[in-house]
PDB file of N, CA and C in Angstrom:
ATOM      1  N   MET A   1      11.331  -5.479  -1.972  1.00  0.00           N
ATOM      2  CA  MET A   1      10.284  -5.451  -0.993  1.00  0.00           C
ATOM      3  C   MET A   1       9.279  -6.545  -1.356  1.00  0.00           C
ATOM      4  N   LYS A   2       8.824  -7.283  -0.362  1.00  0.00           N
ATOM      5  CA  LYS A   2       7.863  -8.348  -0.592  1.00  0.00           C
ATOM      6  C   LYS A   2       6.509  -7.948  -0.031  1.00  0.00           C
ATOM      7  N   ILE A   3       5.480  -8.335  -0.742  1.00  0.00           N
ATOM      8  CA  ILE A   3       4.110  -7.985  -0.359  1.00  0.00           C
ATOM      9  C   ILE A   3       3.303  -9.260  -0.198  1.00  0.00           C
ATOM     10  N   ARG A   4       2.519  -9.317   0.861  1.00  0.00           N
ATOM     11  CA  ARG A   4       1.585 -10.426   1.074  1.00  0.00           C
ATOM     12  C   ARG A   4       0.343  -9.850   1.728  1.00  0.00           C
ATOM     13  N   CYS A   5      -0.820 -10.176   1.192  1.00  0.00           N
ATOM     14  CA  CYS A   5      -2.084  -9.654   1.711  1.00  0.00           C
ATOM     15  C   CYS A   5      -2.271 -10.098   3.159  1.00  0.00           C
ATOM     16  N   SER A   6      -2.537  -9.137   4.033  1.00  0.00           N
ATOM     17  CA  SER A   6      -2.720  -9.462   5.451  1.00  0.00           C
ATOM     18  C   SER A   6      -4.087 -10.081   5.721  1.00  0.00           C
ATOM     19  N   GLN A   7      -4.990 -10.044   4.753  1.00  0.00           N
ATOM     20  CA  GLN A   7      -6.323 -10.614   4.944  1.00  0.00           C
ATOM     21  C   GLN A   7      -6.389 -12.076   4.511  1.00  0.00           C
ATOM     22  N   CYS A   8      -5.897 -12.372   3.296  1.00  0.00           N
ATOM     23  CA  CYS A   8      -6.026 -13.742   2.784  1.00  0.00           C
ATOM     24  C   CYS A   8      -4.682 -14.453   2.613  1.00  0.00           C
ATOM     25  N   GLY A   9      -3.555 -13.708   2.660  1.00  0.00           N
ATOM     26  CA  GLY A   9      -2.243 -14.323   2.556  1.00  0.00           C
ATOM     27  C   GLY A   9      -1.690 -14.439   1.145  1.00  0.00           C
ATOM     28  N   SER A  10      -2.443 -13.996   0.154  1.00  0.00           N
ATOM     29  CA  SER A  10      -1.985 -14.098  -1.234  1.00  0.00           C
ATOM     30  C   SER A  10      -0.824 -13.135  -1.486  1.00  0.00           C
ATOM     31  N   ALA A  11       0.117 -13.576  -2.323  1.00  0.00           N
ATOM     32  CA  ALA A  11       1.248 -12.728  -2.708  1.00  0.00           C
ATOM     33  C   ALA A  11       1.015 -12.080  -4.069  1.00  0.00           C
ATOM     34  N   ARG A  12      -0.136 -12.352  -4.686  1.00  0.00           N
ATOM     35  CA  ARG A  12      -0.449 -11.799  -5.992  1.00  0.00           C
ATOM     36  C   ARG A  12      -1.234 -10.505  -5.825  1.00  0.00           C
ATOM     37  N   PHE A  13      -0.894  -9.501  -6.627  1.00  0.00           N
ATOM     38  CA  PHE A  13      -1.618  -8.240  -6.578  1.00  0.00           C
ATOM     39  C   PHE A  13      -1.623  -7.606  -7.956  1.00  0.00           C
ATOM     40  N   PHE A  14      -2.479  -6.608  -8.125  1.00  0.00           N
ATOM     41  CA  PHE A  14      -2.531  -5.871  -9.377  1.00  0.00           C
ATOM     42  C   PHE A  14      -2.678  -4.391  -9.078  1.00  0.00           C
ATOM     43  N   PHE A  15      -2.229  -3.585 -10.019  1.00  0.00           N
ATOM     44  CA  PHE A  15      -2.337  -2.142  -9.878  1.00  0.00           C
ATOM     45  C   PHE A  15      -3.660  -1.683 -10.481  1.00  0.00           C
ATOM     46  N   THR A  16      -4.292  -0.732  -9.826  1.00  0.00           N
ATOM     47  CA  THR A  16      -5.532  -0.165 -10.333  1.00  0.00           C
ATOM     48  C   THR A  16      -5.251   1.208 -10.902  1.00  0.00           C
ATOM     49  N   ASP A  17      -6.177   1.715 -11.687  1.00  0.00           N
ATOM     50  CA  ASP A  17      -6.004   3.039 -12.270  1.00  0.00           C
ATOM     51  C   ASP A  17      -7.139   3.950 -11.814  1.00  0.00           C
ATOM     52  N   TYR A  18      -6.945   5.225 -12.017  1.00  0.00           N
ATOM     53  CA  TYR A  18      -7.949   6.205 -11.626  1.00  0.00           C
ATOM     54  C   TYR A  18      -9.095   6.176 -12.626  1.00  0.00           C
ATOM     55  N   ARG A  19     -10.317   6.072 -12.113  1.00  0.00           N
ATOM     56  CA  ARG A  19     -11.505   6.115 -12.964  1.00  0.00           C
ATOM     57  C   ARG A  19     -12.381   7.268 -12.524  1.00  0.00           C
ATOM     58  N   GLU A  20     -12.972   7.925 -13.461  1.00  0.00           N
ATOM     59  CA  GLU A  20     -13.866   9.045 -13.174  1.00  0.00           C
ATOM     60  C   GLU A  20     -14.986   8.576 -12.244  1.00  0.00           C
ATOM     61  N   GLY A  21     -15.172   9.285 -11.149  1.00  0.00           N
ATOM     62  CA  GLY A  21     -16.237   8.943 -10.211  1.00  0.00           C
ATOM     63  C   GLY A  21     -15.839   7.929  -9.154  1.00  0.00           C
ATOM     64  N   GLN A  22     -14.669   7.323  -9.274  1.00  0.00           N
ATOM     65  CA  GLN A  22     -14.193   6.353  -8.293  1.00  0.00           C
ATOM     66  C   GLN A  22     -12.768   6.688  -7.901  1.00  0.00           C
ATOM     67  N   PRO A  23     -12.547   7.796  -7.194  1.00  0.00           N
ATOM     68  CA  PRO A  23     -11.173   8.214  -6.903  1.00  0.00           C
ATOM     69  C   PRO A  23     -10.452   7.317  -5.896  1.00  0.00           C
ATOM     70  N   ASN A  24     -11.162   6.445  -5.196  1.00  0.00           N
ATOM     71  CA  ASN A  24     -10.526   5.633  -4.156  1.00  0.00           C
ATOM     72  C   ASN A  24      -9.990   4.304  -4.662  1.00  0.00           C
ATOM     73  N   VAL A  25     -10.027   4.052  -5.954  1.00  0.00           N
ATOM     74  CA  VAL A  25      -9.545   2.766  -6.461  1.00  0.00           C
ATOM     75  C   VAL A  25      -8.119   2.841  -6.990  1.00  0.00           C
ATOM     76  N   HIS A  26      -7.465   4.003  -6.911  1.00  0.00           N
ATOM     77  CA  HIS A  26      -6.102   4.131  -7.406  1.00  0.00           C
ATOM     78  C   HIS A  26      -5.129   3.500  -6.414  1.00  0.00           C
ATOM     79  N   GLY A  27      -4.243   2.640  -6.867  1.00  0.00           N
ATOM     80  CA  GLY A  27      -3.260   2.000  -5.997  1.00  0.00           C
ATOM     81  C   GLY A  27      -3.075   0.551  -6.380  1.00  0.00           C
ATOM     82  N   ALA A  28      -3.012  -0.324  -5.397  1.00  0.00           N
ATOM     83  CA  ALA A  28      -2.848  -1.755  -5.645  1.00  0.00           C
ATOM     84  C   ALA A  28      -3.869  -2.526  -4.822  1.00  0.00           C
ATOM     85  N   ARG A  29      -4.304  -3.654  -5.369  1.00  0.00           N
ATOM     86  CA  ARG A  29      -5.269  -4.518  -4.689  1.00  0.00           C
ATOM     87  C   ARG A  29      -4.790  -5.960  -4.751  1.00  0.00           C
ATOM     88  N   CYS A  30      -5.215  -6.747  -3.791  1.00  0.00           N
ATOM     89  CA  CYS A  30      -4.925  -8.175  -3.769  1.00  0.00           C
ATOM     90  C   CYS A  30      -5.651  -8.837  -4.941  1.00  0.00           C
ATOM     91  N   ALA A  31      -4.978  -9.715  -5.663  1.00  0.00           N
ATOM     92  CA  ALA A  31      -5.595 -10.386  -6.805  1.00  0.00           C
ATOM     93  C   ALA A  31      -6.595 -11.439  -6.364  1.00  0.00           C
ATOM     94  N   SER A  32      -6.514 -11.892  -5.133  1.00  0.00           N
ATOM     95  CA  SER A  32      -7.409 -12.931  -4.654  1.00  0.00           C
ATOM     96  C   SER A  32      -8.670 -12.364  -4.011  1.00  0.00           C
ATOM     97  N   CYS A  33      -8.514 -11.515  -2.994  1.00  0.00           N
ATOM     98  CA  CYS A  33      -9.685 -11.016  -2.253  1.00  0.00           C
ATOM     99  C   CYS A  33     -10.040  -9.568  -2.575  1.00  0.00           C
ATOM    100  N   LYS A  34      -9.255  -8.899  -3.416  1.00  0.00           N
ATOM    101  CA  LYS A  34      -9.492  -7.523  -3.877  1.00  0.00           C
ATOM    102  C   LYS A  34      -9.344  -6.460  -2.786  1.00  0.00           C
ATOM    103  N   LYS A  35      -8.714  -6.806  -1.651  1.00  0.00           N
ATOM    104  CA  LYS A  35      -8.467  -5.842  -0.574  1.00  0.00           C
ATOM    105  C   LYS A  35      -7.439  -4.824  -1.035  1.00  0.00           C
ATOM    106  N   ARG A  36      -7.643  -3.548  -0.664  1.00  0.00           N
ATOM    107  CA  ARG A  36      -6.639  -2.519  -0.973  1.00  0.00           C
ATOM    108  C   ARG A  36      -5.387  -2.787  -0.160  1.00  0.00           C
ATOM    109  N   LEU A  37      -4.234  -2.800  -0.820  1.00  0.00           N
ATOM    110  CA  LEU A  37      -2.984  -3.070  -0.120  1.00  0.00           C
ATOM    111  C   LEU A  37      -2.457  -1.794   0.513  1.00  0.00           C
ATOM    112  N   ASP A  38      -1.884  -1.936   1.717  1.00  0.00           N
ATOM    113  CA  ASP A  38      -1.318  -0.797   2.425  1.00  0.00           C
ATOM    114  C   ASP A  38      -0.037  -1.235   3.123  1.00  0.00           C
ATOM    115  N   SER A  39       0.488  -0.408   4.007  1.00  0.00           N
ATOM    116  CA  SER A  39       1.765  -0.705   4.654  1.00  0.00           C
ATOM    117  C   SER A  39       1.701  -1.951   5.536  1.00  0.00           C
ATOM    118  N   GLN A  40       0.511  -2.360   5.966  1.00  0.00           N
ATOM    119  CA  GLN A  40       0.363  -3.577   6.771  1.00  0.00           C
ATOM    120  C   GLN A  40       0.643  -4.838   5.949  1.00  0.00           C
ATOM    121  N   ASP A  41       0.638  -4.714   4.638  1.00  0.00           N
ATOM    122  CA  ASP A  41       0.843  -5.864   3.761  1.00  0.00           C
ATOM    123  C   ASP A  41       2.303  -6.047   3.345  1.00  0.00           C
ATOM    124  N   LEU A  42       3.188  -5.164   3.791  1.00  0.00           N
ATOM    125  CA  LEU A  42       4.612  -5.312   3.514  1.00  0.00           C
ATOM    126  C   LEU A  42       5.199  -6.305   4.504  1.00  0.00           C
ATOM    127  N   LEU A  43       5.979  -7.235   4.009  1.00  0.00           N
ATOM    128  CA  LEU A  43       6.577  -8.225   4.895  1.00  0.00           C
ATOM    129  C   LEU A  43       7.752  -7.611   5.646  1.00  0.00           C
ATOM    130  N   PRO A  44       7.802  -7.781   6.955  1.00  0.00           N
ATOM    131  CA  PRO A  44       8.928  -7.219   7.724  1.00  0.00           C
ATOM    132  C   PRO A  44      10.233  -7.927   7.371  1.00  0.00           C
ATOM    133  N   GLY A  45      11.301  -7.179   7.461  1.00  0.00           N
ATOM    134  CA  GLY A  45      12.620  -7.758   7.215  1.00  0.00           C
ATOM    135  C   GLY A  45      13.033  -7.739   5.762  1.00  0.00           C
ATOM    136  N   THR A  46      12.176  -7.258   4.864  1.00  0.00           N
ATOM    137  CA  THR A  46      12.571  -7.156   3.466  1.00  0.00           C
ATOM    138  C   THR A  46      13.013  -5.730   3.190  1.00  0.00           C
ATOM    139  N   SER A  47      13.870  -5.576   2.235  1.00  0.00           N
ATOM    140  CA  SER A  47      14.385  -4.242   1.953  1.00  0.00           C
ATOM    141  C   SER A  47      13.296  -3.370   1.343  1.00  0.00           C
ATOM    142  N   MET A  48      13.301  -2.109   1.733  1.00  0.00           N
ATOM    143  CA  MET A  48      12.328  -1.149   1.216  1.00  0.00           C
ATOM    144  C   MET A  48      13.104  -0.030   0.536  1.00  0.00           C
ATOM    145  N   ASP A  49      12.654   0.366  -0.632  1.00  0.00           N
ATOM    146  CA  ASP A  49      13.383   1.415  -1.326  1.00  0.00           C
ATOM    147  C   ASP A  49      13.257   2.730  -0.552  1.00  0.00           C
ATOM    148  N   PRO A  50      14.224   3.638  -0.669  1.00  0.00           N
ATOM    149  CA  PRO A  50      14.248   4.871   0.124  1.00  0.00           C
ATOM    150  C   PRO A  50      13.040   5.775  -0.086  1.00  0.00           C
ATOM    151  N   ILE A  51      12.505   5.825  -1.283  1.00  0.00           N
ATOM    152  CA  ILE A  51      11.346   6.689  -1.543  1.00  0.00           C
ATOM    153  C   ILE A  51      10.133   6.191  -0.778  1.00  0.00           C
ATOM    154  N   THR A  52       9.882   4.900  -0.817  1.00  0.00           N
ATOM    155  CA  THR A  52       8.753   4.332  -0.074  1.00  0.00           C
ATOM    156  C   THR A  52       8.937   4.554   1.419  1.00  0.00           C
ATOM    157  N   HIS A  53      10.151   4.389   1.901  1.00  0.00           N
ATOM    158  CA  HIS A  53      10.433   4.594   3.320  1.00  0.00           C
ATOM    159  C   HIS A  53      10.093   6.030   3.734  1.00  0.00           C
ATOM    160  N   CYS A  54      10.484   7.008   2.930  1.00  0.00           N
ATOM    161  CA  CYS A  54      10.191   8.413   3.231  1.00  0.00           C
ATOM    162  C   CYS A  54       8.698   8.701   3.182  1.00  0.00           C
ATOM    163  N   LEU A  55       8.002   8.124   2.198  1.00  0.00           N
ATOM    164  CA  LEU A  55       6.561   8.349   2.100  1.00  0.00           C
ATOM    165  C   LEU A  55       5.814   7.777   3.301  1.00  0.00           C
ATOM    166  N   LEU A  56       6.178   6.583   3.728  1.00  0.00           N
ATOM    167  CA  LEU A  56       5.526   5.983   4.894  1.00  0.00           C
ATOM    168  C   LEU A  56       5.839   6.772   6.161  1.00  0.00           C
ATOM    169  N   ALA A  57       7.068   7.259   6.284  1.00  0.00           N
ATOM    170  CA  ALA A  57       7.447   8.048   7.460  1.00  0.00           C
ATOM    171  C   ALA A  57       6.695   9.373   7.483  1.00  0.00           C
ATOM    172  N   SER A  58       6.468   9.974   6.317  1.00  0.00           N
ATOM    173  CA  SER A  58       5.762  11.259   6.282  1.00  0.00           C
ATOM    174  C   SER A  58       4.295  11.114   6.663  1.00  0.00           C
ATOM    175  N   GLN A  59       3.704   9.936   6.463  1.00  0.00           N
ATOM    176  CA  GLN A  59       2.314   9.704   6.847  1.00  0.00           C
ATOM    177  C   GLN A  59       2.161   9.604   8.362  1.00  0.00           C
ATOM    178  N   LYS A  60       3.236   9.248   9.057  1.00  0.00           N
ATOM    179  CA  LYS A  60       3.186   9.073  10.505  1.00  0.00           C
ATOM    180  C   LYS A  60       3.423  10.372  11.265  1.00  0.00           C
ATOM    181  N   THR A  61       3.951  11.361  10.578  1.00  0.00           N
ATOM    182  CA  THR A  61       4.245  12.621  11.262  1.00  0.00           C
ATOM    183  C   THR A  61       3.026  13.530  11.251  1.00  0.00           C
ATOM    184  N   VAL A  62       2.927  14.373  12.251  1.00  0.00           N
ATOM    185  CA  VAL A  62       1.812  15.298  12.362  1.00  0.00           C
ATOM    186  C   VAL A  62       2.363  16.711  12.226  1.00  0.00           C
ATOM    187  N   ARG A  63       1.763  17.483  11.347  1.00  0.00           N
ATOM    188  CA  ARG A  63       2.207  18.863  11.176  1.00  0.00           C
ATOM    189  C   ARG A  63       1.695  19.722  12.305  1.00  0.00           C
ATOM    190  N   ALA A  64       2.529  20.670  12.710  1.00  0.00           N
ATOM    191  CA  ALA A  64       2.106  21.636  13.708  1.00  0.00           C
ATOM    192  C   ALA A  64       1.116  22.612  13.069  1.00  0.00           C
ATOM    193  N   PRO A  65       0.176  23.114  13.842  1.00  0.00           N
ATOM    194  CA  PRO A  65      -0.780  24.068  13.268  1.00  0.00           C
ATOM    195  C   PRO A  65      -0.075  25.332  12.797  1.00  0.00           C
ATOM    196  N   ASP A  66      -0.572  25.907  11.712  1.00  0.00           N
ATOM    197  CA  ASP A  66       0.016  27.128  11.150  1.00  0.00           C
ATOM    198  C   ASP A  66      -0.300  28.338  11.993  1.00  0.00           C
TER     199      ASP A  66
END
């Protein structure tokens, strides 16, 4: 799978870790502009591993009310 920042176009990124008091920084960020990377930053036409595919598909589904 290939990643390119949709904001600045950089292909460089780094992983962040969980810090006390800053729960929203866990994940990956662009090394150039520091934007949080998401599914919009995946290049179309590149292979995606099955686990990532399932996780992205589960975010698009809506659960019925209990």
